[in-house]
């Protein structure tokens, strides 16, 4: 393939993709930080708290794995994009899917943390 036939992503598109990726990364970093703080605050409160902290940590790790896998799949699909319209479509699909996934993960984690706090606060019988 001659250099003139090679598809290159325009600087504006690359900037937009980088900005979206950075936003998703920051959101996930905040999410993980909150999960870790919650797990740390629960870990000293007995067996119930340890089980809850373990559940929260497991969920956070699972979410991280899923999000990294999605990012890698997205990057791989961009490598094979044939034109700008395909890049735009892939980017839109990825951002929408990731925002949906992050919202679902935050909701699930919120429910888990709420349940853990309620379990820890229950008086011992």
C-alpha atoms as a PDB file:
ATOM      1  CA  UNK A   1       0.000   0.000   0.000  1.00  0.00           C
ATOM      2  CA  UNK A   2       1.426   3.374  -0.964  1.00  0.00           C
ATOM      3  CA  UNK A   3       1.741   6.096   1.666  1.00  0.00           C
ATOM      4  CA  UNK A   4      -0.932   8.123  -0.146  1.00  0.00           C
ATOM      5  CA  UNK A   5      -3.445   5.257   0.285  1.00  0.00           C
ATOM      6  CA  UNK A   6      -2.919   4.960   4.001  1.00  0.00           C
ATOM      7  CA  UNK A   7      -5.771   5.990   6.284  1.00  0.00           C
ATOM      8  CA  UNK A   8      -4.750   8.461   8.970  1.00  0.00           C
ATOM      9  CA  UNK A   9      -6.882   9.717  11.807  1.00  0.00           C
ATOM     10  CA  UNK A  10      -7.198  13.527  11.749  1.00  0.00           C
ATOM     11  CA  UNK A  11      -5.758  15.375  14.740  1.00  0.00           C
ATOM     12  CA  UNK A  12      -9.209  16.582  15.815  1.00  0.00           C
ATOM     13  CA  UNK A  13     -10.571  13.023  15.887  1.00  0.00           C
ATOM     14  CA  UNK A  14      -7.549  11.766  17.770  1.00  0.00           C
ATOM     15  CA  UNK A  15      -7.964  14.589  20.318  1.00  0.00           C
ATOM     16  CA  UNK A  16     -11.645  13.779  20.753  1.00  0.00           C
ATOM     17  CA  UNK A  17     -10.878  10.080  21.244  1.00  0.00           C
ATOM     18  CA  UNK A  18      -8.130  10.858  23.740  1.00  0.00           C
ATOM     19  CA  UNK A  19     -10.411  13.218  25.677  1.00  0.00           C
ATOM     20  CA  UNK A  20     -13.176  10.609  25.849  1.00  0.00           C
ATOM     21  CA  UNK A  21     -10.731   7.950  26.944  1.00  0.00           C
ATOM     22  CA  UNK A  22      -9.335  10.284  29.607  1.00  0.00           C
ATOM     23  CA  UNK A  23     -12.854  11.010  30.915  1.00  0.00           C
ATOM     24  CA  UNK A  24     -13.654   7.305  31.122  1.00  0.00           C
ATOM     25  CA  UNK A  25     -10.333   6.604  32.837  1.00  0.00           C
ATOM     26  CA  UNK A  26     -10.906   9.353  35.415  1.00  0.00           C
ATOM     27  CA  UNK A  27     -14.438   8.137  36.108  1.00  0.00           C
ATOM     28  CA  UNK A  28     -13.196   4.610  36.615  1.00  0.00           C
ATOM     29  CA  UNK A  29     -10.289   5.785  38.797  1.00  0.00           C
ATOM     30  CA  UNK A  30     -12.775   7.658  41.000  1.00  0.00           C
ATOM     31  CA  UNK A  31     -14.996   4.607  41.112  1.00  0.00           C
ATOM     32  CA  UNK A  32     -12.120   2.303  42.115  1.00  0.00           C
ATOM     33  CA  UNK A  33     -10.884   4.818  44.694  1.00  0.00           C
ATOM     34  CA  UNK A  34     -14.315   4.980  46.320  1.00  0.00           C
ATOM     35  CA  UNK A  35     -14.621   1.211  46.327  1.00  0.00           C
ATOM     36  CA  UNK A  36     -11.209   0.836  47.932  1.00  0.00           C
ATOM     37  CA  UNK A  37     -11.993   3.446  50.594  1.00  0.00           C
ATOM     38  CA  UNK A  38     -15.248   1.700  51.409  1.00  0.00           C
ATOM     39  CA  UNK A  39     -13.562  -1.686  51.558  1.00  0.00           C
ATOM     40  CA  UNK A  40     -10.862  -0.299  53.849  1.00  0.00           C
ATOM     41  CA  UNK A  41     -13.407   1.304  56.175  1.00  0.00           C
ATOM     42  CA  UNK A  42     -15.353  -1.939  56.462  1.00  0.00           C
ATOM     43  CA  UNK A  43     -12.429  -4.298  56.887  1.00  0.00           C
ATOM     44  CA  UNK A  44     -11.982  -3.741  60.623  1.00  0.00           C
ATOM     45  CA  UNK A  45     -15.530  -4.583  61.701  1.00  0.00           C
ATOM     46  CA  UNK A  46     -15.576  -8.333  62.053  1.00  0.00           C
ATOM     47  CA  UNK A  47     -16.428 -11.255  59.825  1.00  0.00           C
ATOM     48  CA  UNK A  48     -19.459  -9.623  58.189  1.00  0.00           C
ATOM     49  CA  UNK A  49     -17.383  -6.602  57.245  1.00  0.00           C
ATOM     50  CA  UNK A  50     -14.548  -8.765  55.910  1.00  0.00           C
ATOM     51  CA  UNK A  51     -16.976 -10.704  53.725  1.00  0.00           C
ATOM     52  CA  UNK A  52     -18.510  -7.459  52.471  1.00  0.00           C
ATOM     53  CA  UNK A  53     -15.103  -5.927  51.789  1.00  0.00           C
ATOM     54  CA  UNK A  54     -14.090  -9.045  49.887  1.00  0.00           C
ATOM     55  CA  UNK A  55     -17.279  -8.842  47.802  1.00  0.00           C
ATOM     56  CA  UNK A  56     -16.674  -5.156  47.036  1.00  0.00           C
ATOM     57  CA  UNK A  57     -13.058  -5.811  46.082  1.00  0.00           C
ATOM     58  CA  UNK A  58     -14.043  -8.732  43.862  1.00  0.00           C
ATOM     59  CA  UNK A  59     -16.616  -6.597  42.059  1.00  0.00           C
ATOM     60  CA  UNK A  60     -14.112  -3.770  41.548  1.00  0.00           C
ATOM     61  CA  UNK A  61     -11.547  -6.154  40.093  1.00  0.00           C
ATOM     62  CA  UNK A  62     -14.170  -7.727  37.843  1.00  0.00           C
ATOM     63  CA  UNK A  63     -15.265  -4.300  36.603  1.00  0.00           C
ATOM     64  CA  UNK A  64     -11.671  -3.284  35.946  1.00  0.00           C
ATOM     65  CA  UNK A  65     -11.071  -6.427  33.912  1.00  0.00           C
ATOM     66  CA  UNK A  66     -14.227  -5.905  31.836  1.00  0.00           C
ATOM     67  CA  UNK A  67     -13.386  -2.256  31.180  1.00  0.00           C
ATOM     68  CA  UNK A  68      -9.811  -3.008  30.163  1.00  0.00           C
ATOM     69  CA  UNK A  69     -11.022  -5.770  27.845  1.00  0.00           C
ATOM     70  CA  UNK A  70     -13.529  -3.378  26.265  1.00  0.00           C
ATOM     71  CA  UNK A  71     -10.808  -0.758  25.785  1.00  0.00           C
ATOM     72  CA  UNK A  72      -8.481  -3.267  24.165  1.00  0.00           C
ATOM     73  CA  UNK A  73     -11.227  -4.498  21.851  1.00  0.00           C
ATOM     74  CA  UNK A  74     -11.988  -0.892  20.914  1.00  0.00           C
ATOM     75  CA  UNK A  75      -8.331  -0.146  20.195  1.00  0.00           C
ATOM     76  CA  UNK A  76      -8.096  -3.265  18.052  1.00  0.00           C
ATOM     77  CA  UNK A  77     -11.203  -2.303  16.094  1.00  0.00           C
ATOM     78  CA  UNK A  78      -9.728   1.166  15.447  1.00  0.00           C
ATOM     79  CA  UNK A  79      -6.613  -0.410  14.013  1.00  0.00           C
ATOM     80  CA  UNK A  80      -8.763  -2.143  11.398  1.00  0.00           C
ATOM     81  CA  UNK A  81     -10.969   0.851  10.594  1.00  0.00           C
ATOM     82  CA  UNK A  82     -11.108   1.496   6.870  1.00  0.00           C
ATOM     83  CA  UNK A  83     -12.295   5.098   6.852  1.00  0.00           C
ATOM     84  CA  UNK A  84     -13.252   8.051   9.000  1.00  0.00           C
ATOM     85  CA  UNK A  85     -16.933   7.128   9.136  1.00  0.00           C
ATOM     86  CA  UNK A  86     -16.030   3.722  10.565  1.00  0.00           C
ATOM     87  CA  UNK A  87     -13.769   5.360  13.157  1.00  0.00           C
ATOM     88  CA  UNK A  88     -16.623   7.703  14.137  1.00  0.00           C
ATOM     89  CA  UNK A  89     -19.083   4.808  14.382  1.00  0.00           C
ATOM     90  CA  UNK A  90     -16.674   2.710  16.469  1.00  0.00           C
ATOM     91  CA  UNK A  91     -15.938   5.628  18.757  1.00  0.00           C
ATOM     92  CA  UNK A  92     -19.604   6.432  19.298  1.00  0.00           C
ATOM     93  CA  UNK A  93     -20.439   2.792  20.008  1.00  0.00           C
ATOM     94  CA  UNK A  94     -17.529   2.431  22.412  1.00  0.00           C
ATOM     95  CA  UNK A  95     -18.274   5.608  24.376  1.00  0.00           C
ATOM     96  CA  UNK A  96     -21.977   4.753  24.640  1.00  0.00           C
ATOM     97  CA  UNK A  97     -21.246   1.188  25.743  1.00  0.00           C
ATOM     98  CA  UNK A  98     -18.672   2.310  28.309  1.00  0.00           C
ATOM     99  CA  UNK A  99     -20.906   5.005  29.787  1.00  0.00           C
ATOM    100  CA  UNK A 100     -23.703   2.444  30.096  1.00  0.00           C
ATOM    101  CA  UNK A 101     -21.323  -0.092  31.657  1.00  0.00           C
ATOM    102  CA  UNK A 102     -19.931   2.470  34.123  1.00  0.00           C
ATOM    103  CA  UNK A 103     -23.445   3.513  35.133  1.00  0.00           C
ATOM    104  CA  UNK A 104     -24.444  -0.122  35.695  1.00  0.00           C
ATOM    105  CA  UNK A 105     -21.245  -0.825  37.616  1.00  0.00           C
ATOM    106  CA  UNK A 106     -21.717   2.241  39.810  1.00  0.00           C
ATOM    107  CA  UNK A 107     -25.303   1.218  40.530  1.00  0.00           C
ATOM    108  CA  UNK A 108     -24.302  -2.355  41.396  1.00  0.00           C
ATOM    109  CA  UNK A 109     -21.452  -1.139  43.563  1.00  0.00           C
ATOM    110  CA  UNK A 110     -23.751   1.328  45.311  1.00  0.00           C
ATOM    111  CA  UNK A 111     -26.179  -1.464  46.105  1.00  0.00           C
ATOM    112  CA  UNK A 112     -23.356  -3.680  47.365  1.00  0.00           C
ATOM    113  CA  UNK A 113     -21.916  -0.925  49.557  1.00  0.00           C
ATOM    114  CA  UNK A 114     -25.361  -0.058  50.955  1.00  0.00           C
ATOM    115  CA  UNK A 115     -26.022  -3.717  51.779  1.00  0.00           C
ATOM    116  CA  UNK A 116     -22.594  -4.030  53.380  1.00  0.00           C
ATOM    117  CA  UNK A 117     -23.153  -0.937  55.521  1.00  0.00           C
ATOM    118  CA  UNK A 118     -26.551  -2.218  56.624  1.00  0.00           C
ATOM    119  CA  UNK A 119     -25.120  -5.655  57.442  1.00  0.00           C
ATOM    120  CA  UNK A 120     -22.290  -4.146  59.496  1.00  0.00           C
ATOM    121  CA  UNK A 121     -24.683  -1.812  61.333  1.00  0.00           C
ATOM    122  CA  UNK A 122     -27.066  -4.624  62.318  1.00  0.00           C
ATOM    123  CA  UNK A 123     -26.954  -5.288  66.045  1.00  0.00           C
ATOM    124  CA  UNK A 124     -25.576  -8.690  67.008  1.00  0.00           C
ATOM    125  CA  UNK A 125     -28.238 -11.012  68.356  1.00  0.00           C
END
